[in-house]
Each structure stands twice: as C-alpha cells, then as structure tokens.
Amino acid sequence: RVRSIERIVFNNSGTESVLMALRAARAYTGRH
C-alpha cells in the first residue's frame, strides 16, 4: 500500500513507532 515501505516491524502505539524510528535512524547514521 505504501510505496516507500519495503520492510516493516510492529509495536503498540505511535509513541513506540516514533521511538523506534529515531533509534533506527541513529543506529544507521551513527549520529544522535
């Protein structure tokens, strides 16, 4: 449905989703 999404993980809320997205971005880029 969403063209930019190739892989996905599920949790329980928008808060958790944002928390994990930011954590993923930090891990991927090495920045904080």
PDB file of all heavy atoms in Angstrom:
ATOM      1  N   ARG A   1       0.819  -1.218   0.000  1.00  0.00           N
ATOM      2  CA  ARG A   1       0.000   0.000   0.000  1.00  0.00           C
ATOM      3  C   ARG A   1       0.852   1.268   0.000  1.00  0.00           C
ATOM      4  O   ARG A   1       0.515   2.242  -0.677  1.00  0.00           O
ATOM      5  CB  ARG A   1      -0.905  -0.047   1.236  1.00  0.00           C
ATOM      6  CG  ARG A   1      -1.941   1.050   1.323  1.00  0.00           C
ATOM      7  CD  ARG A   1      -2.885   0.775   2.482  1.00  0.00           C
ATOM      8  NE  ARG A   1      -3.968   1.719   2.516  1.00  0.00           N
ATOM      9  CZ  ARG A   1      -5.258   1.399   2.643  1.00  0.00           C
ATOM     10  NH1 ARG A   1      -5.618   0.118   2.751  1.00  0.00           N
ATOM     11  NH2 ARG A   1      -6.197   2.321   2.659  1.00  0.00           N
ATOM     12  N   VAL A   2       1.905   1.288   0.782  1.00  0.00           N
ATOM     13  CA  VAL A   2       2.743   2.478   0.929  1.00  0.00           C
ATOM     14  C   VAL A   2       4.042   2.236   0.181  1.00  0.00           C
ATOM     15  O   VAL A   2       4.868   1.401   0.586  1.00  0.00           O
ATOM     16  CB  VAL A   2       3.014   2.786   2.417  1.00  0.00           C
ATOM     17  CG1 VAL A   2       3.823   4.072   2.547  1.00  0.00           C
ATOM     18  CG2 VAL A   2       1.701   2.906   3.185  1.00  0.00           C
ATOM     19  N   ARG A   3       4.245   2.970  -0.896  1.00  0.00           N
ATOM     20  CA  ARG A   3       5.318   2.704  -1.855  1.00  0.00           C
ATOM     21  C   ARG A   3       6.709   2.731  -1.232  1.00  0.00           C
ATOM     22  O   ARG A   3       7.598   1.994  -1.632  1.00  0.00           O
ATOM     23  CB  ARG A   3       5.236   3.733  -2.982  1.00  0.00           C
ATOM     24  CG  ARG A   3       6.209   3.543  -4.124  1.00  0.00           C
ATOM     25  CD  ARG A   3       5.875   4.513  -5.249  1.00  0.00           C
ATOM     26  NE  ARG A   3       5.808   5.885  -4.730  1.00  0.00           N
ATOM     27  CZ  ARG A   3       6.698   6.814  -5.019  1.00  0.00           C
ATOM     28  NH1 ARG A   3       7.712   6.541  -5.806  1.00  0.00           N
ATOM     29  NH2 ARG A   3       6.581   8.036  -4.533  1.00  0.00           N
ATOM     30  N   SER A   4       6.929   3.594  -0.238  1.00  0.00           N
ATOM     31  CA  SER A   4       8.275   3.749   0.337  1.00  0.00           C
ATOM     32  C   SER A   4       8.638   2.638   1.311  1.00  0.00           C
ATOM     33  O   SER A   4       9.788   2.551   1.746  1.00  0.00           O
ATOM     34  CB  SER A   4       8.378   5.100   1.060  1.00  0.00           C
ATOM     35  OG  SER A   4       7.535   5.122   2.203  1.00  0.00           O
ATOM     36  N   ILE A   5       7.677   1.784   1.659  1.00  0.00           N
ATOM     37  CA  ILE A   5       7.918   0.763   2.681  1.00  0.00           C
ATOM     38  C   ILE A   5       8.270  -0.572   2.023  1.00  0.00           C
ATOM     39  O   ILE A   5       7.457  -1.167   1.318  1.00  0.00           O
ATOM     40  CB  ILE A   5       6.690   0.596   3.604  1.00  0.00           C
ATOM     41  CG1 ILE A   5       6.435   1.896   4.371  1.00  0.00           C
ATOM     42  CG2 ILE A   5       6.907  -0.555   4.567  1.00  0.00           C
ATOM     43  CD1 ILE A   5       5.218   1.839   5.265  1.00  0.00           C
ATOM     44  N   GLU A   6       9.489  -1.035   2.290  1.00  0.00           N
ATOM     45  CA  GLU A   6       9.933  -2.345   1.806  1.00  0.00           C
ATOM     46  C   GLU A   6       9.894  -3.390   2.911  1.00  0.00           C
ATOM     47  O   GLU A   6       9.659  -4.580   2.649  1.00  0.00           O
ATOM     48  CB  GLU A   6      11.346  -2.231   1.242  1.00  0.00           C
ATOM     49  CG  GLU A   6      11.433  -1.337   0.005  1.00  0.00           C
ATOM     50  CD  GLU A   6      12.840  -1.182  -0.509  1.00  0.00           C
ATOM     51  OE1 GLU A   6      13.785  -1.109   0.325  1.00  0.00           O
ATOM     52  OE2 GLU A   6      13.004  -1.131  -1.740  1.00  0.00           O
ATOM     53  N   ARG A   7      10.148  -2.950   4.149  1.00  0.00           N
ATOM     54  CA  ARG A   7      10.097  -3.861   5.290  1.00  0.00           C
ATOM     55  C   ARG A   7       9.471  -3.118   6.461  1.00  0.00           C
ATOM     56  O   ARG A   7       9.491  -1.878   6.516  1.00  0.00           O
ATOM     57  CB  ARG A   7      11.501  -4.369   5.635  1.00  0.00           C
ATOM     58  CG  ARG A   7      12.216  -4.977   4.445  1.00  0.00           C
ATOM     59  CD  ARG A   7      13.527  -5.608   4.819  1.00  0.00           C
ATOM     60  NE  ARG A   7      13.322  -6.892   5.504  1.00  0.00           N
ATOM     61  CZ  ARG A   7      14.317  -7.664   5.924  1.00  0.00           C
ATOM     62  NH1 ARG A   7      15.573  -7.289   5.755  1.00  0.00           N
ATOM     63  NH2 ARG A   7      14.064  -8.799   6.533  1.00  0.00           N
ATOM     64  N   ILE A   8       8.945  -3.878   7.429  1.00  0.00           N
ATOM     65  CA  ILE A   8       8.140  -3.252   8.480  1.00  0.00           C
ATOM     66  C   ILE A   8       8.212  -4.061   9.769  1.00  0.00           C
ATOM     67  O   ILE A   8       8.378  -5.295   9.723  1.00  0.00           O
ATOM     68  CB  ILE A   8       6.669  -3.122   7.997  1.00  0.00           C
ATOM     69  CG1 ILE A   8       5.848  -2.232   8.925  1.00  0.00           C
ATOM     70  CG2 ILE A   8       6.016  -4.491   7.827  1.00  0.00           C
ATOM     71  CD1 ILE A   8       4.486  -1.865   8.328  1.00  0.00           C
ATOM     72  N   VAL A   9       8.144  -3.373  10.906  1.00  0.00           N
ATOM     73  CA  VAL A   9       8.018  -4.036  12.213  1.00  0.00           C
ATOM     74  C   VAL A   9       6.844  -3.402  12.958  1.00  0.00           C
ATOM     75  O   VAL A   9       6.532  -2.224  12.767  1.00  0.00           O
ATOM     76  CB  VAL A   9       9.305  -3.922  13.065  1.00  0.00           C
ATOM     77  CG1 VAL A   9      10.431  -4.732  12.447  1.00  0.00           C
ATOM     78  CG2 VAL A   9       9.725  -2.472  13.242  1.00  0.00           C
ATOM     79  N   PHE A  10       6.206  -4.182  13.816  1.00  0.00           N
ATOM     80  CA  PHE A  10       5.009  -3.740  14.525  1.00  0.00           C
ATOM     81  C   PHE A  10       5.257  -3.598  16.022  1.00  0.00           C
ATOM     82  O   PHE A  10       6.013  -4.373  16.624  1.00  0.00           O
ATOM     83  CB  PHE A  10       3.867  -4.729  14.300  1.00  0.00           C
ATOM     84  CG  PHE A  10       3.424  -4.818  12.870  1.00  0.00           C
ATOM     85  CD1 PHE A  10       3.841  -5.882  12.076  1.00  0.00           C
ATOM     86  CD2 PHE A  10       2.612  -3.846  12.307  1.00  0.00           C
ATOM     87  CE1 PHE A  10       3.449  -5.974  10.750  1.00  0.00           C
ATOM     88  CE2 PHE A  10       2.219  -3.921  10.981  1.00  0.00           C
ATOM     89  CZ  PHE A  10       2.637  -4.988  10.194  1.00  0.00           C
ATOM     90  N   ASN A  11       4.587  -2.615  16.609  1.00  0.00           N
ATOM     91  CA  ASN A  11       4.590  -2.436  18.065  1.00  0.00           C
ATOM     92  C   ASN A  11       3.183  -2.026  18.496  1.00  0.00           C
ATOM     93  O   ASN A  11       2.208  -2.502  17.893  1.00  0.00           O
ATOM     94  CB  ASN A  11       5.668  -1.445  18.493  1.00  0.00           C
ATOM     95  CG  ASN A  11       5.746  -0.252  17.565  1.00  0.00           C
ATOM     96  OD1 ASN A  11       4.754   0.441  17.353  1.00  0.00           O
ATOM     97  ND2 ASN A  11       6.912  -0.009  16.991  1.00  0.00           N
ATOM     98  N   ASN A  12       3.057  -1.169  19.502  1.00  0.00           N
ATOM     99  CA  ASN A  12       1.740  -0.962  20.098  1.00  0.00           C
ATOM    100  C   ASN A  12       1.175   0.447  20.032  1.00  0.00           C
ATOM    101  O   ASN A  12       0.054   0.672  20.486  1.00  0.00           O
ATOM    102  CB  ASN A  12       1.775  -1.394  21.576  1.00  0.00           C
ATOM    103  CG  ASN A  12       2.087  -2.860  21.726  1.00  0.00           C
ATOM    104  OD1 ASN A  12       1.291  -3.707  21.359  1.00  0.00           O
ATOM    105  ND2 ASN A  12       3.269  -3.174  22.238  1.00  0.00           N
ATOM    106  N   SER A  13       1.906   1.408  19.506  1.00  0.00           N
ATOM    107  CA  SER A  13       1.401   2.784  19.513  1.00  0.00           C
ATOM    108  C   SER A  13       2.247   3.665  18.616  1.00  0.00           C
ATOM    109  O   SER A  13       3.359   3.297  18.220  1.00  0.00           O
ATOM    110  CB  SER A  13       1.418   3.358  20.936  1.00  0.00           C
ATOM    111  OG  SER A  13       2.760   3.537  21.376  1.00  0.00           O
ATOM    112  N   GLY A  14       1.731   4.852  18.339  1.00  0.00           N
ATOM    113  CA  GLY A  14       2.510   5.830  17.606  1.00  0.00           C
ATOM    114  C   GLY A  14       3.748   6.256  18.365  1.00  0.00           C
ATOM    115  O   GLY A  14       4.804   6.500  17.771  1.00  0.00           O
ATOM    116  N   THR A  15       3.625   6.369  19.683  1.00  0.00           N
ATOM    117  CA  THR A  15       4.786   6.730  20.507  1.00  0.00           C
ATOM    118  C   THR A  15       5.911   5.723  20.333  1.00  0.00           C
ATOM    119  O   THR A  15       7.077   6.092  20.116  1.00  0.00           O
ATOM    120  CB  THR A  15       4.384   6.815  21.984  1.00  0.00           C
ATOM    121  OG1 THR A  15       3.536   7.953  22.181  1.00  0.00           O
ATOM    122  CG2 THR A  15       5.601   6.951  22.891  1.00  0.00           C
ATOM    123  N   GLU A  16       5.587   4.436  20.405  1.00  0.00           N
ATOM    124  CA  GLU A  16       6.613   3.402  20.247  1.00  0.00           C
ATOM    125  C   GLU A  16       7.188   3.422  18.834  1.00  0.00           C
ATOM    126  O   GLU A  16       8.395   3.215  18.639  1.00  0.00           O
ATOM    127  CB  GLU A  16       6.023   2.031  20.555  1.00  0.00           C
ATOM    128  CG  GLU A  16       5.701   1.807  22.021  1.00  0.00           C
ATOM    129  CD  GLU A  16       5.216   0.398  22.292  1.00  0.00           C
ATOM    130  OE1 GLU A  16       5.579  -0.526  21.532  1.00  0.00           O
ATOM    131  OE2 GLU A  16       4.463   0.217  23.258  1.00  0.00           O
ATOM    132  N   SER A  17       6.343   3.673  17.853  1.00  0.00           N
ATOM    133  CA  SER A  17       6.812   3.689  16.472  1.00  0.00           C
ATOM    134  C   SER A  17       7.839   4.786  16.255  1.00  0.00           C
ATOM    135  O   SER A  17       8.887   4.567  15.630  1.00  0.00           O
ATOM    136  CB  SER A  17       5.632   3.894  15.520  1.00  0.00           C
ATOM    137  OG  SER A  17       4.720   2.832  15.632  1.00  0.00           O
ATOM    138  N   VAL A  18       7.546   5.979  16.756  1.00  0.00           N
ATOM    139  CA  VAL A  18       8.482   7.097  16.609  1.00  0.00           C
ATOM    140  C   VAL A  18       9.772   6.815  17.373  1.00  0.00           C
ATOM    141  O   VAL A  18      10.881   7.061  16.876  1.00  0.00           O
ATOM    142  CB  VAL A  18       7.835   8.405  17.081  1.00  0.00           C
ATOM    143  CG1 VAL A  18       8.868   9.517  17.217  1.00  0.00           C
ATOM    144  CG2 VAL A  18       6.732   8.817  16.115  1.00  0.00           C
ATOM    145  N   LEU A  19       9.638   6.313  18.596  1.00  0.00           N
ATOM    146  CA  LEU A  19      10.820   5.992  19.398  1.00  0.00           C
ATOM    147  C   LEU A  19      11.742   5.046  18.632  1.00  0.00           C
ATOM    148  O   LEU A  19      12.959   5.249  18.559  1.00  0.00           O
ATOM    149  CB  LEU A  19      10.377   5.366  20.717  1.00  0.00           C
ATOM    150  CG  LEU A  19      11.415   5.101  21.797  1.00  0.00           C
ATOM    151  CD1 LEU A  19      10.742   5.066  23.170  1.00  0.00           C
ATOM    152  CD2 LEU A  19      12.133   3.774  21.574  1.00  0.00           C
ATOM    153  N   MET A  20      11.157   3.996  18.020  1.00  0.00           N
ATOM    154  CA  MET A  20      11.968   3.012  17.310  1.00  0.00           C
ATOM    155  C   MET A  20      12.510   3.567  15.998  1.00  0.00           C
ATOM    156  O   MET A  20      13.618   3.224  15.584  1.00  0.00           O
ATOM    157  CB  MET A  20      11.159   1.740  17.061  1.00  0.00           C
ATOM    158  CG  MET A  20      10.759   1.001  18.330  1.00  0.00           C
ATOM    159  SD  MET A  20      12.145   0.692  19.472  1.00  0.00           S
ATOM    160  CE  MET A  20      13.259  -0.258  18.451  1.00  0.00           C
ATOM    161  N   ALA A  21      11.755   4.419  15.332  1.00  0.00           N
ATOM    162  CA  ALA A  21      12.237   5.018  14.085  1.00  0.00           C
ATOM    163  C   ALA A  21      13.453   5.903  14.353  1.00  0.00           C
ATOM    164  O   ALA A  21      14.444   5.878  13.603  1.00  0.00           O
ATOM    165  CB  ALA A  21      11.129   5.822  13.416  1.00  0.00           C
ATOM    166  N   LEU A  22      13.391   6.690  15.419  1.00  0.00           N
ATOM    167  CA  LEU A  22      14.525   7.544  15.769  1.00  0.00           C
ATOM    168  C   LEU A  22      15.734   6.702  16.162  1.00  0.00           C
ATOM    169  O   LEU A  22      16.879   7.014  15.796  1.00  0.00           O
ATOM    170  CB  LEU A  22      14.145   8.486  16.908  1.00  0.00           C
ATOM    171  CG  LEU A  22      13.122   9.567  16.571  1.00  0.00           C
ATOM    172  CD1 LEU A  22      12.750  10.351  17.814  1.00  0.00           C
ATOM    173  CD2 LEU A  22      13.642  10.504  15.487  1.00  0.00           C
ATOM    174  N   ARG A  23      15.481   5.641  16.876  1.00  0.00           N
ATOM    175  CA  ARG A  23      16.585   4.762  17.278  1.00  0.00           C
ATOM    176  C   ARG A  23      17.228   4.105  16.057  1.00  0.00           C
ATOM    177  O   ARG A  23      18.458   3.981  15.956  1.00  0.00           O
ATOM    178  CB  ARG A  23      16.072   3.711  18.263  1.00  0.00           C
ATOM    179  CG  ARG A  23      17.177   2.925  18.957  1.00  0.00           C
ATOM    180  CD  ARG A  23      16.609   2.071  20.068  1.00  0.00           C
ATOM    181  NE  ARG A  23      16.164   2.892  21.201  1.00  0.00           N
ATOM    182  CZ  ARG A  23      15.486   2.420  22.259  1.00  0.00           C
ATOM    183  NH1 ARG A  23      15.178   1.123  22.314  1.00  0.00           N
ATOM    184  NH2 ARG A  23      15.124   3.220  23.226  1.00  0.00           N
ATOM    185  N   ALA A  24      16.388   3.703  15.113  1.00  0.00           N
ATOM    186  CA  ALA A  24      16.907   3.098  13.882  1.00  0.00           C
ATOM    187  C   ALA A  24      17.742   4.107  13.097  1.00  0.00           C
ATOM    188  O   ALA A  24      18.798   3.772  12.549  1.00  0.00           O
ATOM    189  CB  ALA A  24      15.756   2.578  13.026  1.00  0.00           C
ATOM    190  N   ALA A  25      17.259   5.360  13.027  1.00  0.00           N
ATOM    191  CA  ALA A  25      17.984   6.403  12.296  1.00  0.00           C
ATOM    192  C   ALA A  25      19.342   6.664  12.934  1.00  0.00           C
ATOM    193  O   ALA A  25      20.351   6.849  12.233  1.00  0.00           O
ATOM    194  CB  ALA A  25      17.156   7.683  12.261  1.00  0.00           C
ATOM    195  N   ARG A  26      19.380   6.685  14.262  1.00  0.00           N
ATOM    196  CA  ARG A  26      20.659   6.912  14.947  1.00  0.00           C
ATOM    197  C   ARG A  26      21.624   5.753  14.691  1.00  0.00           C
ATOM    198  O   ARG A  26      22.820   5.967  14.465  1.00  0.00           O
ATOM    199  CB  ARG A  26      20.405   7.091  16.442  1.00  0.00           C
ATOM    200  CG  ARG A  26      19.725   8.412  16.808  1.00  0.00           C
ATOM    201  CD  ARG A  26      19.655   8.582  18.316  1.00  0.00           C
ATOM    202  NE  ARG A  26      19.108   9.877  18.677  1.00  0.00           N
ATOM    203  CZ  ARG A  26      17.901  10.072  19.213  1.00  0.00           C
ATOM    204  NH1 ARG A  26      17.107   9.027  19.442  1.00  0.00           N
ATOM    205  NH2 ARG A  26      17.486  11.289  19.503  1.00  0.00           N
ATOM    206  N   ALA A  27      21.096   4.538  14.751  1.00  0.00           N
ATOM    207  CA  ALA A  27      21.958   3.380  14.523  1.00  0.00           C
ATOM    208  C   ALA A  27      22.492   3.361  13.091  1.00  0.00           C
ATOM    209  O   ALA A  27      23.665   3.066  12.846  1.00  0.00           O
ATOM    210  CB  ALA A  27      21.187   2.099  14.810  1.00  0.00           C
ATOM    211  N   TYR A  28      21.649   3.687  12.142  1.00  0.00           N
ATOM    212  CA  TYR A  28      22.022   3.628  10.726  1.00  0.00           C
ATOM    213  C   TYR A  28      23.037   4.707  10.370  1.00  0.00           C
ATOM    214  O   TYR A  28      23.985   4.458   9.608  1.00  0.00           O
ATOM    215  CB  TYR A  28      20.774   3.767   9.861  1.00  0.00           C
ATOM    216  CG  TYR A  28      21.033   3.585   8.386  1.00  0.00           C
ATOM    217  CD1 TYR A  28      21.120   2.316   7.826  1.00  0.00           C
ATOM    218  CD2 TYR A  28      21.178   4.695   7.546  1.00  0.00           C
ATOM    219  CE1 TYR A  28      21.362   2.146   6.470  1.00  0.00           C
ATOM    220  CE2 TYR A  28      21.423   4.544   6.192  1.00  0.00           C
ATOM    221  CZ  TYR A  28      21.516   3.260   5.650  1.00  0.00           C
ATOM    222  OH  TYR A  28      21.762   3.105   4.309  1.00  0.00           O
ATOM    223  N   THR A  29      22.847   5.916  10.917  1.00  0.00           N
ATOM    224  CA  THR A  29      23.721   7.041  10.548  1.00  0.00           C
ATOM    225  C   THR A  29      24.927   7.196  11.460  1.00  0.00           C
ATOM    226  O   THR A  29      25.909   7.851  11.088  1.00  0.00           O
ATOM    227  CB  THR A  29      22.938   8.360  10.575  1.00  0.00           C
ATOM    228  OG1 THR A  29      22.496   8.616  11.927  1.00  0.00           O
ATOM    229  CG2 THR A  29      21.747   8.323   9.633  1.00  0.00           C
ATOM    230  N   GLY A  30      24.864   6.661  12.677  1.00  0.00           N
ATOM    231  CA  GLY A  30      25.930   6.866  13.642  1.00  0.00           C
ATOM    232  C   GLY A  30      25.895   8.248  14.274  1.00  0.00           C
ATOM    233  O   GLY A  30      26.838   8.644  14.969  1.00  0.00           O
ATOM    234  N   ARG A  31      24.824   8.998  14.076  1.00  0.00           N
ATOM    235  CA  ARG A  31      24.658  10.334  14.648  1.00  0.00           C
ATOM    236  C   ARG A  31      23.578  10.278  15.732  1.00  0.00           C
ATOM    237  O   ARG A  31      22.846   9.293  15.836  1.00  0.00           O
ATOM    238  CB  ARG A  31      24.249  11.334  13.560  1.00  0.00           C
ATOM    239  CG  ARG A  31      25.150  11.325  12.341  1.00  0.00           C
ATOM    240  CD  ARG A  31      24.521  12.108  11.193  1.00  0.00           C
ATOM    241  NE  ARG A  31      25.254  11.993   9.947  1.00  0.00           N
ATOM    242  CZ  ARG A  31      24.807  12.431   8.775  1.00  0.00           C
ATOM    243  NH1 ARG A  31      23.622  13.037   8.703  1.00  0.00           N
ATOM    244  NH2 ARG A  31      25.533  12.280   7.683  1.00  0.00           N
ATOM    245  N   HIS A  32      23.464  11.357  16.527  1.00  0.00           N
ATOM    246  CA  HIS A  32      22.468  11.299  17.599  1.00  0.00           C
ATOM    247  C   HIS A  32      21.492  12.464  17.615  1.00  0.00           C
ATOM    248  O   HIS A  32      20.416  12.367  18.209  1.00  0.00           O
ATOM    249  CB  HIS A  32      23.149  11.183  18.968  1.00  0.00           C
ATOM    250  CG  HIS A  32      24.064  12.317  19.302  1.00  0.00           C
ATOM    251  ND1 HIS A  32      23.639  13.454  19.924  1.00  0.00           N
ATOM    252  CD2 HIS A  32      25.405  12.474  19.086  1.00  0.00           C
ATOM    253  CE1 HIS A  32      24.668  14.273  20.087  1.00  0.00           C
ATOM    254  NE2 HIS A  32      25.741  13.701  19.591  1.00  0.00           N
TER     255      HIS A  32
END
